[in-house]
């Protein structure tokens, strides 16, 4: 079967937090942990206990571990913050299509 994806996909298992992106106070309570199973420049598939509805706008935080030798040198890990919307869902999770708002930041490593 031919792979027709436009972007290279990386199969990972990264801890993530998904938040509904809304100004409504009740939406702030709708956050959950998820596992980023595969990711590319255009989106991510998140394994989640309660996948959100189609077209739900979300903010996703993905935690990137730093290899052990890097931790001793830099004492940090990285956090990617991305926003987007749910474009597909199934019983196991949801696919998020990214928009252009993102940031990559170091986090202090806690000893």
C-alpha atoms as a PDB file:
ATOM      1  CA  UNK A   1       0.000   0.000   0.000  1.00  0.00           C
ATOM      2  CA  UNK A   2       1.402   3.376  -1.036  1.00  0.00           C
ATOM      3  CA  UNK A   3       1.875   6.108   1.599  1.00  0.00           C
ATOM      4  CA  UNK A   4       0.274   9.257   0.191  1.00  0.00           C
ATOM      5  CA  UNK A   5       0.954  11.541   3.140  1.00  0.00           C
ATOM      6  CA  UNK A   6       2.318  14.953   2.215  1.00  0.00           C
ATOM      7  CA  UNK A   7       4.524  15.229   5.353  1.00  0.00           C
ATOM      8  CA  UNK A   8       6.836  12.825   7.130  1.00  0.00           C
ATOM      9  CA  UNK A   9       5.189  11.304  10.191  1.00  0.00           C
ATOM     10  CA  UNK A  10       7.066  10.348  13.364  1.00  0.00           C
ATOM     11  CA  UNK A  11       5.738   7.531  15.539  1.00  0.00           C
ATOM     12  CA  UNK A  12       6.365   8.474  19.158  1.00  0.00           C
ATOM     13  CA  UNK A  13       4.669   8.127  22.518  1.00  0.00           C
ATOM     14  CA  UNK A  14       4.858  11.529  24.202  1.00  0.00           C
ATOM     15  CA  UNK A  15       2.941  12.777  27.229  1.00  0.00           C
ATOM     16  CA  UNK A  16       0.549  15.559  26.242  1.00  0.00           C
ATOM     17  CA  UNK A  17      -2.121  17.783  27.730  1.00  0.00           C
ATOM     18  CA  UNK A  18      -5.141  18.824  25.650  1.00  0.00           C
ATOM     19  CA  UNK A  19      -7.207  21.891  26.561  1.00  0.00           C
ATOM     20  CA  UNK A  20     -10.352  23.143  24.847  1.00  0.00           C
ATOM     21  CA  UNK A  21      -9.462  26.519  23.308  1.00  0.00           C
ATOM     22  CA  UNK A  22     -12.382  28.719  24.324  1.00  0.00           C
ATOM     23  CA  UNK A  23     -13.026  31.969  26.170  1.00  0.00           C
ATOM     24  CA  UNK A  24     -15.889  30.380  28.121  1.00  0.00           C
ATOM     25  CA  UNK A  25     -14.925  29.699  31.777  1.00  0.00           C
ATOM     26  CA  UNK A  26     -16.591  26.255  31.746  1.00  0.00           C
ATOM     27  CA  UNK A  27     -14.325  25.201  28.859  1.00  0.00           C
ATOM     28  CA  UNK A  28     -11.239  25.765  30.992  1.00  0.00           C
ATOM     29  CA  UNK A  29     -12.276  22.738  33.048  1.00  0.00           C
ATOM     30  CA  UNK A  30     -12.174  20.532  29.942  1.00  0.00           C
ATOM     31  CA  UNK A  31      -8.557  19.397  29.872  1.00  0.00           C
ATOM     32  CA  UNK A  32      -7.144  15.903  29.752  1.00  0.00           C
ATOM     33  CA  UNK A  33      -3.938  13.961  29.494  1.00  0.00           C
ATOM     34  CA  UNK A  34      -3.254  12.212  26.208  1.00  0.00           C
ATOM     35  CA  UNK A  35      -0.427  10.391  24.445  1.00  0.00           C
ATOM     36  CA  UNK A  36       0.878  11.796  21.163  1.00  0.00           C
ATOM     37  CA  UNK A  37       1.285   8.628  19.116  1.00  0.00           C
ATOM     38  CA  UNK A  38       2.328  10.111  15.815  1.00  0.00           C
ATOM     39  CA  UNK A  39       3.132  13.633  14.775  1.00  0.00           C
ATOM     40  CA  UNK A  40       4.057  15.567  11.661  1.00  0.00           C
ATOM     41  CA  UNK A  41       4.393  19.251  10.764  1.00  0.00           C
ATOM     42  CA  UNK A  42       0.647  19.473  10.088  1.00  0.00           C
ATOM     43  CA  UNK A  43      -0.872  17.589  12.999  1.00  0.00           C
ATOM     44  CA  UNK A  44      -0.843  14.899  15.647  1.00  0.00           C
ATOM     45  CA  UNK A  45      -2.862  11.827  16.598  1.00  0.00           C
ATOM     46  CA  UNK A  46      -3.578  11.770  20.330  1.00  0.00           C
ATOM     47  CA  UNK A  47      -4.675   8.637  22.173  1.00  0.00           C
ATOM     48  CA  UNK A  48      -7.205   9.916  24.704  1.00  0.00           C
ATOM     49  CA  UNK A  49      -9.816   8.477  27.049  1.00  0.00           C
ATOM     50  CA  UNK A  50     -12.431  11.063  25.991  1.00  0.00           C
ATOM     51  CA  UNK A  51     -11.833  12.199  22.406  1.00  0.00           C
ATOM     52  CA  UNK A  52     -13.315  15.630  21.719  1.00  0.00           C
ATOM     53  CA  UNK A  53     -15.892  16.410  19.046  1.00  0.00           C
ATOM     54  CA  UNK A  54     -15.061  17.286  15.455  1.00  0.00           C
ATOM     55  CA  UNK A  55     -13.993  20.905  14.852  1.00  0.00           C
ATOM     56  CA  UNK A  56     -13.347  21.495  18.574  1.00  0.00           C
ATOM     57  CA  UNK A  57     -10.581  24.080  18.885  1.00  0.00           C
ATOM     58  CA  UNK A  58      -7.803  22.914  21.200  1.00  0.00           C
ATOM     59  CA  UNK A  59      -4.473  23.879  22.688  1.00  0.00           C
ATOM     60  CA  UNK A  60      -2.027  20.982  22.978  1.00  0.00           C
ATOM     61  CA  UNK A  61       1.123  20.802  25.105  1.00  0.00           C
ATOM     62  CA  UNK A  62       3.557  18.043  24.135  1.00  0.00           C
ATOM     63  CA  UNK A  63       6.476  17.229  26.436  1.00  0.00           C
ATOM     64  CA  UNK A  64       9.731  16.256  24.709  1.00  0.00           C
ATOM     65  CA  UNK A  65      12.208  14.306  26.820  1.00  0.00           C
ATOM     66  CA  UNK A  66      15.862  15.243  26.528  1.00  0.00           C
ATOM     67  CA  UNK A  67      18.435  12.475  26.331  1.00  0.00           C
ATOM     68  CA  UNK A  68      20.301  11.742  29.552  1.00  0.00           C
ATOM     69  CA  UNK A  69      23.600  13.339  28.479  1.00  0.00           C
ATOM     70  CA  UNK A  70      21.723  16.523  27.520  1.00  0.00           C
ATOM     71  CA  UNK A  71      20.021  16.722  30.922  1.00  0.00           C
ATOM     72  CA  UNK A  72      23.357  16.875  32.724  1.00  0.00           C
ATOM     73  CA  UNK A  73      24.531  19.601  30.333  1.00  0.00           C
ATOM     74  CA  UNK A  74      21.410  21.764  30.087  1.00  0.00           C
ATOM     75  CA  UNK A  75      19.129  20.711  32.954  1.00  0.00           C
ATOM     76  CA  UNK A  76      15.936  21.084  30.937  1.00  0.00           C
ATOM     77  CA  UNK A  77      13.280  19.421  28.856  1.00  0.00           C
ATOM     78  CA  UNK A  78      11.279  20.989  26.050  1.00  0.00           C
ATOM     79  CA  UNK A  79       7.603  21.786  25.755  1.00  0.00           C
ATOM     80  CA  UNK A  80       5.830  22.305  22.442  1.00  0.00           C
ATOM     81  CA  UNK A  81       2.614  24.358  22.600  1.00  0.00           C
ATOM     82  CA  UNK A  82       0.362  24.113  19.567  1.00  0.00           C
ATOM     83  CA  UNK A  83      -3.204  25.070  18.775  1.00  0.00           C
ATOM     84  CA  UNK A  84      -5.505  23.516  16.216  1.00  0.00           C
ATOM     85  CA  UNK A  85      -8.789  21.687  15.783  1.00  0.00           C
ATOM     86  CA  UNK A  86     -10.069  18.125  15.909  1.00  0.00           C
ATOM     87  CA  UNK A  87     -10.421  16.821  12.335  1.00  0.00           C
ATOM     88  CA  UNK A  88     -10.983  13.123  13.042  1.00  0.00           C
ATOM     89  CA  UNK A  89     -11.912  11.010  16.053  1.00  0.00           C
ATOM     90  CA  UNK A  90     -12.380   7.364  16.885  1.00  0.00           C
ATOM     91  CA  UNK A  91     -12.888   5.327  20.050  1.00  0.00           C
ATOM     92  CA  UNK A  92      -9.171   5.458  20.906  1.00  0.00           C
ATOM     93  CA  UNK A  93      -8.370   9.115  20.279  1.00  0.00           C
ATOM     94  CA  UNK A  94      -8.427  12.094  17.945  1.00  0.00           C
ATOM     95  CA  UNK A  95      -6.463  13.710  15.136  1.00  0.00           C
ATOM     96  CA  UNK A  96      -5.570  17.382  15.564  1.00  0.00           C
ATOM     97  CA  UNK A  97      -4.741  19.617  12.605  1.00  0.00           C
ATOM     98  CA  UNK A  98      -2.354  22.386  13.671  1.00  0.00           C
ATOM     99  CA  UNK A  99      -2.840  26.043  12.915  1.00  0.00           C
ATOM    100  CA  UNK A 100       0.100  28.451  12.708  1.00  0.00           C
ATOM    101  CA  UNK A 101       0.282  29.270  16.453  1.00  0.00           C
ATOM    102  CA  UNK A 102       3.010  27.311  18.186  1.00  0.00           C
ATOM    103  CA  UNK A 103       5.985  27.722  20.496  1.00  0.00           C
ATOM    104  CA  UNK A 104       8.837  25.506  21.674  1.00  0.00           C
ATOM    105  CA  UNK A 105      10.145  26.330  25.136  1.00  0.00           C
ATOM    106  CA  UNK A 106      12.611  24.807  27.605  1.00  0.00           C
ATOM    107  CA  UNK A 107      11.276  23.685  30.975  1.00  0.00           C
ATOM    108  CA  UNK A 108      13.403  23.591  34.093  1.00  0.00           C
ATOM    109  CA  UNK A 109      14.376  20.073  35.061  1.00  0.00           C
ATOM    110  CA  UNK A 110      13.300  19.254  38.597  1.00  0.00           C
ATOM    111  CA  UNK A 111      15.869  17.291  40.607  1.00  0.00           C
END
